[in-house]
Amino acid sequence: MTRDRGLREPAPLPPGARVALLSPSGPLNGPHELERALSTVESFGWVPVPGAHALARSGYFAGDDAARAADLVRAIEDDDIHGIWCLRGGYGAARLLPVLDDVLRQTPPDLPPKPLIGFSDITALHALWQQHGWVSFHGPVARGQLSAFSREAFRTIVAQGREASWVAESASVLSPGRATGRLAGGNLALVASLVGTPWACRFDGALVVLEDVGEATYRLDRMLTQLLLSGALDGCVGLVLGHFTDCPDTTADGTRSIEAVVQEVADRLEVPALLGVPIGHIEEQWTLPFGAMATLDAEARTLHVHRHDRPFTGSPTPSAR
């Protein structure tokens, strides 16, 4: 059950903030990726603090479960760490949920949440953060190279804590309409894998954000069908579908497009829906505060991200090209 402690947003990360660089899932490809992450953190005026096992490797994990969990627990409990930026995705974060859940349950109810940043396999940690009423950030992993587009969106949401009005100019309208709800979801494979666990994503009243990579269309179909049949999507108010990168339509048995698959889901749910917003395994992506409120206007292809007590005073930030 979600703890009754209300939605709590992290404070913006100011210059001088100490940001832990952690590998809760797969391993880095070498020290050069950590060096790039260090430079990226410093470019925002923050102080990078690599986890003890940031460069570890154990099979397809960045160290064993105990080591990866220890780095996260240390960052959560250390008052001198102000944010947590995951170095990469891969696989393995879900294996840490029982340990991390116990740690978060012991945090004082009035403790401000620390920003958690990442995407893909980090979806499992986003789900945990929301279980505890904490907003987290679905955004680039630290090892990647940030384009100007991604950097501007990231700075707006994480460093400045501002509201944002974004336009996904090239997105496809699956179903028109306007809806306001909290942002939730992430990587489709991870969202589907959490169904039936204590950390399953809760989508009642939510704008559901989904993306994936390297999955054949029939597998995407199967995962979306699982979400529908399980009732996981019941009560959602809109679909914010990103990119499904390197997901082939054709199998030996025939062809079906991802557009056809998600159109079917949008029609069944009868909610506003966009496909192809700048989210996922792509170079240019928005950073979204999961757990925070947003308004989707599908026909206008806009997403307005709301922030508590932080009025939006600037001009609209990145539009998808």
Protein backbone atom coordinates (compact mmCIF):
# COMPACT_ATOMS: atom_id res chain seq x y z
CA MET A 1 0.00 0.00 0.00
CA THR A 2 1.14 3.54 -0.70
CA ARG A 3 2.09 5.42 2.43
CA ASP A 4 -0.31 8.22 3.28
CA ARG A 5 2.16 11.05 3.21
CA GLY A 6 1.11 13.03 0.17
CA LEU A 7 2.92 14.02 -2.97
CA ARG A 8 6.34 15.45 -2.24
CA GLU A 9 8.54 17.02 -4.87
CA PRO A 10 12.30 17.35 -4.59
CA ALA A 11 13.71 20.84 -4.38
CA PRO A 12 15.55 22.02 -7.51
CA LEU A 13 19.22 21.03 -7.47
CA PRO A 14 21.21 24.27 -7.02
CA PRO A 15 24.84 24.87 -7.99
CA GLY A 16 27.11 23.04 -5.58
CA ALA A 17 24.65 20.18 -5.00
CA ARG A 18 26.33 16.80 -4.53
CA VAL A 19 24.94 14.26 -6.99
CA ALA A 20 25.54 10.52 -6.55
CA LEU A 21 26.34 8.66 -9.77
CA LEU A 22 25.12 5.09 -9.38
CA SER A 23 24.77 1.91 -11.43
CA PRO A 24 21.70 0.10 -10.02
CA SER A 25 21.26 -2.09 -13.09
CA GLY A 26 23.70 -2.95 -15.88
CA PRO A 27 27.44 -2.22 -15.99
CA LEU A 28 29.17 0.63 -17.73
CA ASN A 29 31.29 -0.14 -20.79
CA GLY A 30 34.38 1.34 -19.17
CA PRO A 31 35.84 4.28 -17.24
CA HIS A 32 35.31 6.60 -20.21
CA GLU A 33 31.54 6.47 -19.61
CA LEU A 34 31.98 7.41 -15.97
CA GLU A 35 34.31 10.26 -16.99
CA ARG A 36 31.66 11.57 -19.38
CA ALA A 37 29.07 11.41 -16.60
CA LEU A 38 31.39 13.31 -14.24
CA SER A 39 31.79 16.06 -16.83
CA THR A 40 28.05 16.24 -17.44
CA VAL A 41 27.29 16.64 -13.74
CA GLU A 42 29.94 19.34 -13.42
CA SER A 43 28.51 21.18 -16.42
CA PHE A 44 25.37 21.86 -14.37
CA GLY A 45 27.47 23.27 -11.52
CA TRP A 46 27.00 20.19 -9.35
CA VAL A 47 29.58 18.03 -7.58
CA PRO A 48 29.64 14.41 -8.84
CA VAL A 49 29.98 11.64 -6.25
CA PRO A 50 30.50 8.25 -7.96
CA GLY A 51 29.13 5.25 -6.09
CA ALA A 52 31.63 2.75 -4.73
CA HIS A 53 30.48 0.18 -7.30
CA ALA A 54 29.83 2.52 -10.22
CA LEU A 55 32.35 0.63 -12.39
CA ALA A 56 31.68 -2.85 -11.01
CA ARG A 57 30.69 -5.74 -13.25
CA SER A 58 29.15 -9.11 -12.37
CA GLY A 59 27.71 -10.81 -15.43
CA TYR A 60 25.10 -8.41 -16.80
CA PHE A 61 24.91 -6.49 -13.51
CA ALA A 62 27.02 -3.61 -12.20
CA GLY A 63 28.12 -5.71 -9.24
CA ASP A 64 25.98 -8.11 -7.25
CA ASP A 65 22.63 -7.17 -5.76
CA ALA A 66 24.09 -6.39 -2.34
CA ALA A 67 26.68 -4.01 -3.79
CA ARG A 68 24.22 -2.16 -6.00
CA ALA A 69 21.69 -1.86 -3.19
CA ALA A 70 24.37 -0.64 -0.78
CA ASP A 71 25.27 2.24 -3.10
CA LEU A 72 21.62 3.30 -3.32
CA VAL A 73 21.02 2.99 0.42
CA ARG A 74 24.14 5.03 1.14
CA ALA A 75 22.99 7.78 -1.21
CA ILE A 76 19.48 7.81 0.25
CA GLU A 77 20.71 8.01 3.84
CA ASP A 78 23.67 10.38 3.37
CA ASP A 79 22.65 13.95 4.20
CA ASP A 80 25.53 15.22 2.07
CA ILE A 81 24.04 13.67 -1.08
CA HIS A 82 21.37 15.87 -2.66
CA GLY A 83 20.45 13.90 -5.77
CA ILE A 84 20.80 10.47 -7.39
CA TRP A 85 21.54 10.21 -11.12
CA CYS A 86 21.63 6.69 -12.52
CA LEU A 87 24.51 6.06 -14.89
CA ARG A 88 22.62 3.66 -17.17
CA GLY A 89 19.71 1.23 -17.40
CA GLY A 90 20.15 -2.34 -18.55
CA TYR A 91 18.63 -4.84 -16.12
CA GLY A 92 18.64 -5.42 -12.39
CA ALA A 93 16.95 -2.54 -10.54
CA ALA A 94 13.79 -4.55 -9.79
CA ARG A 95 15.87 -7.10 -7.87
CA LEU A 96 16.69 -4.37 -5.32
CA LEU A 97 13.10 -3.31 -4.57
CA PRO A 98 12.53 -5.30 -1.34
CA VAL A 99 15.68 -3.92 0.29
CA LEU A 100 15.09 -0.36 -0.86
CA ASP A 101 11.43 -0.47 0.14
CA ASP A 102 12.43 -1.33 3.72
CA VAL A 103 14.85 1.62 3.75
CA LEU A 104 12.31 4.11 2.40
CA ARG A 105 9.71 2.95 4.92
CA GLN A 106 12.06 4.09 7.70
CA THR A 107 12.56 7.59 6.31
CA PRO A 108 10.99 10.38 8.39
CA PRO A 109 7.59 11.43 6.98
CA ASP A 110 8.72 15.03 6.58
CA LEU A 111 12.04 14.21 4.88
CA PRO A 112 12.25 15.97 1.49
CA PRO A 113 12.75 13.41 -1.28
CA LYS A 114 16.04 13.31 -3.13
CA PRO A 115 15.80 13.63 -6.91
CA LEU A 116 16.13 10.26 -8.63
CA ILE A 117 16.98 10.55 -12.33
CA GLY A 118 17.04 7.94 -15.10
CA PHE A 119 14.89 5.89 -17.43
CA SER A 120 14.51 2.44 -19.01
CA ASP A 121 15.32 -0.14 -16.29
CA ILE A 122 15.19 2.69 -13.73
CA THR A 123 11.40 2.48 -14.20
CA ALA A 124 11.44 -0.01 -11.31
CA LEU A 125 12.91 2.63 -8.99
CA HIS A 126 10.46 5.26 -10.25
CA ALA A 127 7.63 2.90 -9.29
CA LEU A 128 9.10 2.54 -5.79
CA TRP A 129 9.52 6.29 -5.38
CA GLN A 130 5.86 6.84 -6.29
CA GLN A 131 4.79 4.12 -3.84
CA HIS A 132 6.25 6.34 -1.15
CA GLY A 133 4.72 9.54 -2.46
CA TRP A 134 7.96 10.89 -3.92
CA VAL A 135 8.30 12.57 -7.29
CA SER A 136 11.18 11.25 -9.43
CA PHE A 137 12.55 12.24 -12.82
CA HIS A 138 12.20 10.17 -15.98
CA GLY A 139 15.10 11.58 -17.95
CA PRO A 140 18.48 10.84 -19.54
CA VAL A 141 20.94 8.53 -17.84
CA ALA A 142 24.20 10.16 -16.78
CA ARG A 143 26.52 8.23 -19.10
CA GLY A 144 24.82 9.57 -22.22
CA GLN A 145 25.69 12.65 -24.22
CA LEU A 146 23.04 15.31 -23.76
CA SER A 147 21.90 17.17 -26.86
CA ALA A 148 21.02 20.84 -26.47
CA PHE A 149 17.36 19.84 -26.64
CA SER A 150 17.64 17.26 -23.84
CA ARG A 151 19.83 19.53 -21.73
CA GLU A 152 17.32 22.39 -21.85
CA ALA A 153 14.42 20.14 -20.83
CA PHE A 154 16.51 18.55 -18.07
CA ARG A 155 17.64 21.90 -16.69
CA THR A 156 14.08 23.25 -16.67
CA ILE A 157 12.68 20.35 -14.66
CA VAL A 158 15.57 19.19 -12.43
CA ALA A 159 17.82 22.21 -11.89
CA GLN A 160 15.21 24.98 -11.99
CA GLY A 161 12.11 23.11 -10.82
CA ARG A 162 9.94 25.07 -13.24
CA GLU A 163 6.70 24.28 -14.96
CA ALA A 164 7.00 23.64 -18.67
CA SER A 165 4.78 23.75 -21.74
CA TRP A 166 6.04 21.44 -24.44
CA VAL A 167 4.87 20.74 -27.99
CA ALA A 168 5.41 17.33 -29.62
CA GLU A 169 5.10 18.62 -33.17
CA SER A 170 5.75 15.30 -34.91
CA ALA A 171 3.65 13.12 -32.60
CA SER A 172 0.65 11.23 -33.97
CA VAL A 173 -2.78 11.88 -32.49
CA LEU A 174 -4.31 8.50 -31.64
CA SER A 175 -7.26 9.97 -29.79
CA PRO A 176 -8.09 13.69 -29.36
CA GLY A 177 -9.05 15.30 -26.08
CA ARG A 178 -7.62 17.00 -23.04
CA ALA A 179 -6.85 15.45 -19.65
CA THR A 180 -5.02 16.34 -16.45
CA GLY A 181 -3.42 13.70 -14.26
CA ARG A 182 -0.22 12.67 -12.56
CA LEU A 183 2.58 11.35 -14.74
CA ALA A 184 3.42 7.67 -14.26
CA GLY A 185 4.90 4.73 -16.13
CA GLY A 186 8.18 4.43 -18.00
CA ASN A 187 9.58 1.48 -19.89
CA LEU A 188 6.77 -0.82 -21.04
CA ALA A 189 8.66 -4.05 -20.37
CA LEU A 190 9.39 -2.96 -16.79
CA VAL A 191 5.85 -1.71 -16.20
CA ALA A 192 4.46 -5.04 -17.39
CA SER A 193 6.96 -7.02 -15.30
CA LEU A 194 5.84 -5.25 -12.11
CA VAL A 195 2.18 -6.26 -12.52
CA GLY A 196 1.22 -8.55 -9.65
CA THR A 197 4.02 -7.31 -7.37
CA PRO A 198 3.73 -4.89 -4.44
CA TRP A 199 5.49 -2.29 -6.60
CA ALA A 200 3.15 -2.38 -9.59
CA CYS A 201 2.56 1.03 -11.17
CA ARG A 202 -0.73 2.62 -10.18
CA PHE A 203 -2.42 4.35 -13.08
CA ASP A 204 -5.76 5.43 -11.67
CA GLY A 205 -6.03 9.13 -12.51
CA ALA A 206 -2.71 9.03 -14.36
CA LEU A 207 -1.31 10.14 -17.67
CA VAL A 208 0.43 6.89 -18.62
CA VAL A 209 3.91 7.36 -20.11
CA LEU A 210 5.32 4.37 -22.03
CA GLU A 211 8.35 3.70 -24.24
CA ASP A 212 10.52 0.72 -25.16
CA VAL A 213 13.44 -0.49 -27.23
CA GLY A 214 14.42 -3.69 -29.02
CA GLU A 215 11.07 -5.45 -28.69
CA ALA A 216 9.24 -6.95 -31.66
CA THR A 217 5.76 -5.51 -32.15
CA TYR A 218 4.05 -8.74 -31.08
CA ARG A 219 5.90 -8.55 -27.75
CA LEU A 220 4.75 -4.95 -27.28
CA ASP A 221 1.25 -6.16 -28.11
CA ARG A 222 1.57 -8.92 -25.52
CA MET A 223 2.75 -6.53 -22.79
CA LEU A 224 0.03 -4.00 -23.50
CA THR A 225 -2.54 -6.79 -23.52
CA GLN A 226 -1.25 -7.89 -20.12
CA LEU A 227 -1.76 -4.37 -18.78
CA LEU A 228 -5.29 -4.29 -20.18
CA LEU A 229 -6.29 -7.77 -18.98
CA SER A 230 -4.85 -7.19 -15.50
CA GLY A 231 -6.82 -3.95 -15.13
CA ALA A 232 -3.59 -2.01 -14.63
CA LEU A 233 -4.72 0.70 -17.05
CA ASP A 234 -8.23 1.04 -15.60
CA GLY A 235 -8.90 4.61 -14.57
CA CYS A 236 -6.03 6.19 -16.48
CA VAL A 237 -6.92 9.54 -18.05
CA GLY A 238 -4.52 9.70 -20.99
CA LEU A 239 -1.66 8.04 -22.89
CA VAL A 240 1.66 9.81 -23.48
CA LEU A 241 3.46 7.31 -25.69
CA GLY A 242 7.06 7.94 -26.59
CA HIS A 243 9.30 6.14 -29.06
CA PHE A 244 9.48 2.39 -29.55
CA THR A 245 12.99 2.26 -30.89
CA ASP A 246 14.32 -0.65 -32.96
CA CYS A 247 11.04 -2.53 -32.56
CA PRO A 248 10.52 -4.52 -35.78
CA ASP A 249 7.00 -4.88 -37.17
CA THR A 250 7.61 -8.03 -39.18
CA THR A 251 7.86 -11.63 -38.00
CA ALA A 252 7.81 -14.93 -39.88
CA ASP A 253 4.06 -15.02 -39.25
CA GLY A 254 3.25 -11.57 -40.59
CA THR A 255 3.40 -7.84 -40.02
CA ARG A 256 1.58 -5.50 -37.67
CA SER A 257 2.66 -1.94 -36.94
CA ILE A 258 3.16 -0.42 -33.50
CA GLU A 259 0.76 2.32 -34.61
CA ALA A 260 -2.00 -0.27 -35.07
CA VAL A 261 -1.26 -1.86 -31.70
CA VAL A 262 -1.34 1.34 -29.66
CA GLN A 263 -4.32 2.70 -31.59
CA GLU A 264 -6.24 -0.34 -30.44
CA VAL A 265 -5.29 0.38 -26.82
CA ALA A 266 -6.26 4.05 -27.09
CA ASP A 267 -9.63 3.12 -28.62
CA ARG A 268 -10.32 0.60 -25.88
CA LEU A 269 -9.45 3.02 -23.08
CA GLU A 270 -11.22 5.98 -24.73
CA VAL A 271 -8.71 8.51 -23.43
CA PRO A 272 -6.65 11.25 -25.15
CA ALA A 273 -3.52 9.69 -26.61
CA LEU A 274 -0.36 10.72 -28.44
CA LEU A 275 2.30 8.50 -30.01
CA GLY A 276 5.85 9.65 -30.70
CA VAL A 277 6.45 12.25 -28.02
CA PRO A 278 10.19 12.78 -27.31
CA ILE A 279 10.56 10.16 -24.59
CA GLY A 280 12.57 6.94 -24.67
CA HIS A 281 15.74 5.55 -26.19
CA ILE A 282 16.34 8.55 -28.42
CA GLU A 283 18.86 11.37 -28.48
CA GLU A 284 16.43 14.21 -27.83
CA GLN A 285 14.08 13.65 -24.94
CA TRP A 286 11.99 15.46 -22.39
CA THR A 287 12.57 15.01 -18.66
CA LEU A 288 9.29 14.28 -16.88
CA PRO A 289 8.62 14.53 -13.11
CA PHE A 290 6.84 11.25 -12.41
CA GLY A 291 4.20 11.69 -9.76
CA ALA A 292 3.69 15.37 -10.60
CA MET A 293 0.61 16.65 -12.39
CA ALA A 294 0.48 17.45 -16.10
CA THR A 295 -2.11 18.35 -18.70
CA LEU A 296 -2.19 16.59 -22.06
CA ASP A 297 -3.93 18.23 -25.02
CA ALA A 298 -3.70 15.52 -27.66
CA GLU A 299 -5.12 17.48 -30.56
CA ALA A 300 -2.73 20.39 -29.91
CA ARG A 301 0.08 17.87 -29.23
CA THR A 302 1.01 19.67 -26.01
CA LEU A 303 2.01 18.55 -22.55
CA HIS A 304 2.02 21.11 -19.74
CA VAL A 305 3.94 19.97 -16.67
CA HIS A 306 2.74 21.50 -13.39
CA ARG A 307 4.99 22.05 -10.37
CA HIS A 308 3.80 22.79 -6.84
CA ASP A 309 4.33 26.40 -5.77
CA ARG A 310 6.61 27.04 -8.72
CA PRO A 311 4.71 29.16 -11.25
CA PHE A 312 5.62 28.94 -14.90
CA THR A 313 6.81 32.39 -15.96
CA GLY A 314 8.93 31.76 -19.02
CA SER A 315 8.32 30.91 -22.64
CA PRO A 316 7.51 27.34 -23.69
CA THR A 317 10.50 25.01 -23.45
CA PRO A 318 11.61 22.41 -26.00
CA SER A 319 9.28 21.39 -28.79
CA ALA A 320 9.82 18.01 -30.43
CA ARG A 321 11.24 18.35 -33.90
